[in-house]
């Protein structure tokens, strides 16, 4: 199972890298065309915005897997083992709640907006909004893996590996 999740994370990381490069290149070309050539590109802002949303949503799922979401873990790390396990469990259940909300409501919204088109690119908005339920499902899977590791005593809320003695 870990090999499969490693592969999914690797693919997601590769996709976010490609999206980041595409977004950066698109914005650079857009600035050049607008301010140097005085010929703004149609749809470039919209495409860059869509790439940013996809990048953030997929990146959030990767952050769940790596335990790199923002957390203030100083006091948790100083606490005794039962408190650390409790905090890790609460942390992961909060991740699950957000992931479930993203999955369910994101799917509903993507379905409802499939017939709406973006103004410049004429792409169905549902395709762009599909990033939310996809990210939510990835967060759920990655969060479940991290919760199992936390309950076994190998990971803290901060995501750093350590024995919870």
C-alpha atoms as a PDB file:
ATOM      1  CA  UNK A   1       0.000   0.000   0.000  1.00  0.00           C
ATOM      2  CA  UNK A   2       2.837   2.384   0.814  1.00  0.00           C
ATOM      3  CA  UNK A   3       4.342   1.835  -2.655  1.00  0.00           C
ATOM      4  CA  UNK A   4       1.054   2.819  -4.291  1.00  0.00           C
ATOM      5  CA  UNK A   5       0.731   5.934  -2.121  1.00  0.00           C
ATOM      6  CA  UNK A   6       4.361   6.831  -2.842  1.00  0.00           C
ATOM      7  CA  UNK A   7       3.565   6.565  -6.551  1.00  0.00           C
ATOM      8  CA  UNK A   8       0.450   8.723  -6.196  1.00  0.00           C
ATOM      9  CA  UNK A   9       2.413  11.324  -4.248  1.00  0.00           C
ATOM     10  CA  UNK A  10       5.204  11.255  -6.821  1.00  0.00           C
ATOM     11  CA  UNK A  11       2.717  11.744  -9.667  1.00  0.00           C
ATOM     12  CA  UNK A  12       0.968  14.569  -7.792  1.00  0.00           C
ATOM     13  CA  UNK A  13       4.314  16.236  -7.098  1.00  0.00           C
ATOM     14  CA  UNK A  14       5.293  15.946 -10.734  1.00  0.00           C
ATOM     15  CA  UNK A  15       1.942  17.431 -11.827  1.00  0.00           C
ATOM     16  CA  UNK A  16       2.276  20.359  -9.437  1.00  0.00           C
ATOM     17  CA  UNK A  17       5.788  21.042 -10.738  1.00  0.00           C
ATOM     18  CA  UNK A  18       4.567  21.064 -14.329  1.00  0.00           C
ATOM     19  CA  UNK A  19       1.608  23.282 -13.406  1.00  0.00           C
ATOM     20  CA  UNK A  20       3.891  25.702 -11.550  1.00  0.00           C
ATOM     21  CA  UNK A  21       6.251  25.960 -14.513  1.00  0.00           C
ATOM     22  CA  UNK A  22       3.333  26.408 -16.934  1.00  0.00           C
ATOM     23  CA  UNK A  23       1.763  29.072 -14.742  1.00  0.00           C
ATOM     24  CA  UNK A  24       5.041  30.957 -14.347  1.00  0.00           C
ATOM     25  CA  UNK A  25       5.766  30.780 -18.063  1.00  0.00           C
ATOM     26  CA  UNK A  26       2.239  31.882 -18.924  1.00  0.00           C
ATOM     27  CA  UNK A  27       2.422  34.905 -16.631  1.00  0.00           C
ATOM     28  CA  UNK A  28       5.832  35.888 -18.047  1.00  0.00           C
ATOM     29  CA  UNK A  29       4.547  35.645 -21.620  1.00  0.00           C
ATOM     30  CA  UNK A  30       1.414  37.560 -20.625  1.00  0.00           C
ATOM     31  CA  UNK A  31       3.465  40.408 -19.116  1.00  0.00           C
ATOM     32  CA  UNK A  32       5.733  40.534 -22.170  1.00  0.00           C
ATOM     33  CA  UNK A  33       2.841  40.664 -24.607  1.00  0.00           C
ATOM     34  CA  UNK A  34       0.877  43.201 -22.572  1.00  0.00           C
ATOM     35  CA  UNK A  35       3.619  45.660 -21.651  1.00  0.00           C
ATOM     36  CA  UNK A  36       6.225  45.212 -24.390  1.00  0.00           C
ATOM     37  CA  UNK A  37       4.118  44.429 -27.435  1.00  0.00           C
ATOM     38  CA  UNK A  38       0.941  46.204 -26.200  1.00  0.00           C
ATOM     39  CA  UNK A  39      -1.117  43.180 -27.310  1.00  0.00           C
ATOM     40  CA  UNK A  40      -2.710  41.459 -24.303  1.00  0.00           C
ATOM     41  CA  UNK A  41      -3.272  37.729 -24.647  1.00  0.00           C
ATOM     42  CA  UNK A  42      -6.854  36.558 -24.351  1.00  0.00           C
ATOM     43  CA  UNK A  43      -7.408  34.054 -21.584  1.00  0.00           C
ATOM     44  CA  UNK A  44      -3.894  34.002 -20.168  1.00  0.00           C
ATOM     45  CA  UNK A  45      -4.956  35.426 -16.796  1.00  0.00           C
ATOM     46  CA  UNK A  46      -7.808  32.977 -16.590  1.00  0.00           C
ATOM     47  CA  UNK A  47      -5.519  30.045 -17.416  1.00  0.00           C
ATOM     48  CA  UNK A  48      -2.941  31.167 -14.836  1.00  0.00           C
ATOM     49  CA  UNK A  49      -5.666  31.475 -12.195  1.00  0.00           C
ATOM     50  CA  UNK A  50      -6.986  27.998 -13.011  1.00  0.00           C
ATOM     51  CA  UNK A  51      -3.480  26.541 -12.779  1.00  0.00           C
ATOM     52  CA  UNK A  52      -3.000  28.238  -9.422  1.00  0.00           C
ATOM     53  CA  UNK A  53      -6.181  26.680  -8.017  1.00  0.00           C
ATOM     54  CA  UNK A  54      -5.147  23.230  -9.263  1.00  0.00           C
ATOM     55  CA  UNK A  55      -1.644  23.719  -7.895  1.00  0.00           C
ATOM     56  CA  UNK A  56      -2.858  24.725  -4.436  1.00  0.00           C
ATOM     57  CA  UNK A  57      -5.401  21.932  -4.152  1.00  0.00           C
ATOM     58  CA  UNK A  58      -3.053  19.145  -5.232  1.00  0.00           C
ATOM     59  CA  UNK A  59      -0.262  20.676  -3.150  1.00  0.00           C
ATOM     60  CA  UNK A  60      -2.535  20.611  -0.095  1.00  0.00           C
ATOM     61  CA  UNK A  61      -3.017  16.886  -0.493  1.00  0.00           C
ATOM     62  CA  UNK A  62       0.751  16.392  -0.734  1.00  0.00           C
ATOM     63  CA  UNK A  63       1.159  18.460   2.434  1.00  0.00           C
ATOM     64  CA  UNK A  64      -1.225  16.122   4.264  1.00  0.00           C
ATOM     65  CA  UNK A  65       0.885  13.123   3.239  1.00  0.00           C
ATOM     66  CA  UNK A  66       4.117  14.776   4.328  1.00  0.00           C
ATOM     67  CA  UNK A  67       2.687  16.269   7.509  1.00  0.00           C
ATOM     68  CA  UNK A  68       3.737  19.745   6.407  1.00  0.00           C
ATOM     69  CA  UNK A  69       0.456  21.565   6.931  1.00  0.00           C
ATOM     70  CA  UNK A  70       0.807  24.501   9.239  1.00  0.00           C
ATOM     71  CA  UNK A  71       0.734  23.415  12.874  1.00  0.00           C
ATOM     72  CA  UNK A  72       2.029  24.826  16.115  1.00  0.00           C
ATOM     73  CA  UNK A  73       3.503  21.720  17.652  1.00  0.00           C
ATOM     74  CA  UNK A  74       5.840  23.134  20.277  1.00  0.00           C
ATOM     75  CA  UNK A  75       3.602  22.370  23.266  1.00  0.00           C
ATOM     76  CA  UNK A  76       2.375  19.112  21.779  1.00  0.00           C
ATOM     77  CA  UNK A  77       5.964  17.895  21.385  1.00  0.00           C
ATOM     78  CA  UNK A  78       6.655  18.728  25.044  1.00  0.00           C
ATOM     79  CA  UNK A  79       3.555  16.850  26.221  1.00  0.00           C
ATOM     80  CA  UNK A  80       3.445  13.276  27.474  1.00  0.00           C
ATOM     81  CA  UNK A  81       2.776  10.457  25.003  1.00  0.00           C
ATOM     82  CA  UNK A  82      -1.011  10.146  25.612  1.00  0.00           C
ATOM     83  CA  UNK A  83      -1.509  13.879  24.968  1.00  0.00           C
ATOM     84  CA  UNK A  84       0.584  13.676  21.794  1.00  0.00           C
ATOM     85  CA  UNK A  85      -1.491  10.768  20.510  1.00  0.00           C
ATOM     86  CA  UNK A  86      -4.717  12.595  21.375  1.00  0.00           C
ATOM     87  CA  UNK A  87      -3.550  15.761  19.602  1.00  0.00           C
ATOM     88  CA  UNK A  88      -2.472  13.763  16.551  1.00  0.00           C
ATOM     89  CA  UNK A  89      -5.839  12.035  16.438  1.00  0.00           C
ATOM     90  CA  UNK A  90      -7.764  15.333  16.725  1.00  0.00           C
ATOM     91  CA  UNK A  91      -5.518  16.871  14.066  1.00  0.00           C
ATOM     92  CA  UNK A  92      -6.202  14.053  11.626  1.00  0.00           C
ATOM     93  CA  UNK A  93      -9.936  14.073  12.288  1.00  0.00           C
ATOM     94  CA  UNK A  94      -9.941  17.789  11.448  1.00  0.00           C
ATOM     95  CA  UNK A  95      -8.097  16.971   8.217  1.00  0.00           C
ATOM     96  CA  UNK A  96     -10.718  14.286   7.499  1.00  0.00           C
ATOM     97  CA  UNK A  97     -13.569  16.740   8.109  1.00  0.00           C
ATOM     98  CA  UNK A  98     -12.108  19.248   5.659  1.00  0.00           C
ATOM     99  CA  UNK A  99     -11.311  16.505   3.143  1.00  0.00           C
ATOM    100  CA  UNK A 100     -14.838  15.114   3.390  1.00  0.00           C
ATOM    101  CA  UNK A 101     -16.308  18.577   2.898  1.00  0.00           C
ATOM    102  CA  UNK A 102     -14.076  19.184  -0.122  1.00  0.00           C
ATOM    103  CA  UNK A 103     -14.985  15.812  -1.600  1.00  0.00           C
ATOM    104  CA  UNK A 104     -18.750  15.919  -1.164  1.00  0.00           C
ATOM    105  CA  UNK A 105     -19.472  19.589  -1.749  1.00  0.00           C
ATOM    106  CA  UNK A 106     -16.764  19.878  -4.384  1.00  0.00           C
ATOM    107  CA  UNK A 107     -18.295  17.037  -6.378  1.00  0.00           C
ATOM    108  CA  UNK A 108     -21.759  18.618  -6.097  1.00  0.00           C
ATOM    109  CA  UNK A 109     -20.429  22.005  -7.208  1.00  0.00           C
ATOM    110  CA  UNK A 110     -18.419  20.519 -10.078  1.00  0.00           C
ATOM    111  CA  UNK A 111     -21.517  18.682 -11.269  1.00  0.00           C
ATOM    112  CA  UNK A 112     -23.681  21.828 -11.082  1.00  0.00           C
ATOM    113  CA  UNK A 113     -21.152  24.003 -12.907  1.00  0.00           C
ATOM    114  CA  UNK A 114     -20.268  21.582 -15.692  1.00  0.00           C
ATOM    115  CA  UNK A 115     -22.534  23.474 -18.110  1.00  0.00           C
ATOM    116  CA  UNK A 116     -21.101  26.893 -17.270  1.00  0.00           C
ATOM    117  CA  UNK A 117     -18.125  28.050 -19.295  1.00  0.00           C
ATOM    118  CA  UNK A 118     -15.224  30.264 -18.315  1.00  0.00           C
ATOM    119  CA  UNK A 119     -15.423  33.665 -20.056  1.00  0.00           C
ATOM    120  CA  UNK A 120     -12.206  33.664 -22.075  1.00  0.00           C
ATOM    121  CA  UNK A 121     -11.181  30.036 -22.530  1.00  0.00           C
ATOM    122  CA  UNK A 122     -14.691  28.564 -22.738  1.00  0.00           C
ATOM    123  CA  UNK A 123     -13.680  25.592 -20.554  1.00  0.00           C
ATOM    124  CA  UNK A 124     -16.480  24.027 -18.471  1.00  0.00           C
ATOM    125  CA  UNK A 125     -16.102  25.379 -14.927  1.00  0.00           C
ATOM    126  CA  UNK A 126     -16.822  21.922 -13.564  1.00  0.00           C
ATOM    127  CA  UNK A 127     -13.433  20.744 -14.826  1.00  0.00           C
ATOM    128  CA  UNK A 128     -11.685  23.433 -12.817  1.00  0.00           C
ATOM    129  CA  UNK A 129     -13.795  22.827  -9.723  1.00  0.00           C
ATOM    130  CA  UNK A 130     -13.047  19.090  -9.956  1.00  0.00           C
ATOM    131  CA  UNK A 131      -9.721  19.919  -8.294  1.00  0.00           C
ATOM    132  CA  UNK A 132     -11.573  20.245  -4.968  1.00  0.00           C
ATOM    133  CA  UNK A 133     -13.080  16.737  -4.753  1.00  0.00           C
ATOM    134  CA  UNK A 134      -9.904  15.180  -6.192  1.00  0.00           C
ATOM    135  CA  UNK A 135      -7.846  16.961  -3.559  1.00  0.00           C
ATOM    136  CA  UNK A 136     -10.342  15.973  -0.868  1.00  0.00           C
ATOM    137  CA  UNK A 137     -10.110  12.308  -1.826  1.00  0.00           C
ATOM    138  CA  UNK A 138      -6.313  12.426  -1.868  1.00  0.00           C
ATOM    139  CA  UNK A 139      -6.304  14.176   1.519  1.00  0.00           C
ATOM    140  CA  UNK A 140      -8.576  11.470   2.919  1.00  0.00           C
ATOM    141  CA  UNK A 141      -6.342   8.658   1.691  1.00  0.00           C
ATOM    142  CA  UNK A 142      -3.115  10.347   2.765  1.00  0.00           C
ATOM    143  CA  UNK A 143      -4.633  11.421   6.090  1.00  0.00           C
ATOM    144  CA  UNK A 144      -5.762   7.876   6.825  1.00  0.00           C
ATOM    145  CA  UNK A 145      -2.237   6.635   6.218  1.00  0.00           C
ATOM    146  CA  UNK A 146      -0.825   9.310   8.550  1.00  0.00           C
ATOM    147  CA  UNK A 147      -3.434   8.563  11.237  1.00  0.00           C
ATOM    148  CA  UNK A 148      -2.472   4.884  11.228  1.00  0.00           C
ATOM    149  CA  UNK A 149       1.191   5.865  11.570  1.00  0.00           C
ATOM    150  CA  UNK A 150       0.358   8.276  14.394  1.00  0.00           C
ATOM    151  CA  UNK A 151      -1.639   5.668  16.294  1.00  0.00           C
ATOM    152  CA  UNK A 152       1.258   3.239  15.914  1.00  0.00           C
ATOM    153  CA  UNK A 153       3.416   5.869  17.587  1.00  0.00           C
ATOM    154  CA  UNK A 154       5.637   7.019  14.760  1.00  0.00           C
ATOM    155  CA  UNK A 155       4.486  10.492  13.844  1.00  0.00           C
ATOM    156  CA  UNK A 156       3.545  13.641  15.716  1.00  0.00           C
ATOM    157  CA  UNK A 157       1.181  16.455  14.778  1.00  0.00           C
ATOM    158  CA  UNK A 158       4.102  18.321  13.230  1.00  0.00           C
ATOM    159  CA  UNK A 159       4.724  15.444  10.852  1.00  0.00           C
ATOM    160  CA  UNK A 160       8.216  14.783  12.170  1.00  0.00           C
ATOM    161  CA  UNK A 161       9.047  11.147  12.749  1.00  0.00           C
ATOM    162  CA  UNK A 162       9.861  10.344  16.351  1.00  0.00           C
ATOM    163  CA  UNK A 163       9.091   7.626  18.864  1.00  0.00           C
ATOM    164  CA  UNK A 164       6.291   8.744  21.162  1.00  0.00           C
ATOM    165  CA  UNK A 165       7.849   7.391  24.375  1.00  0.00           C
END
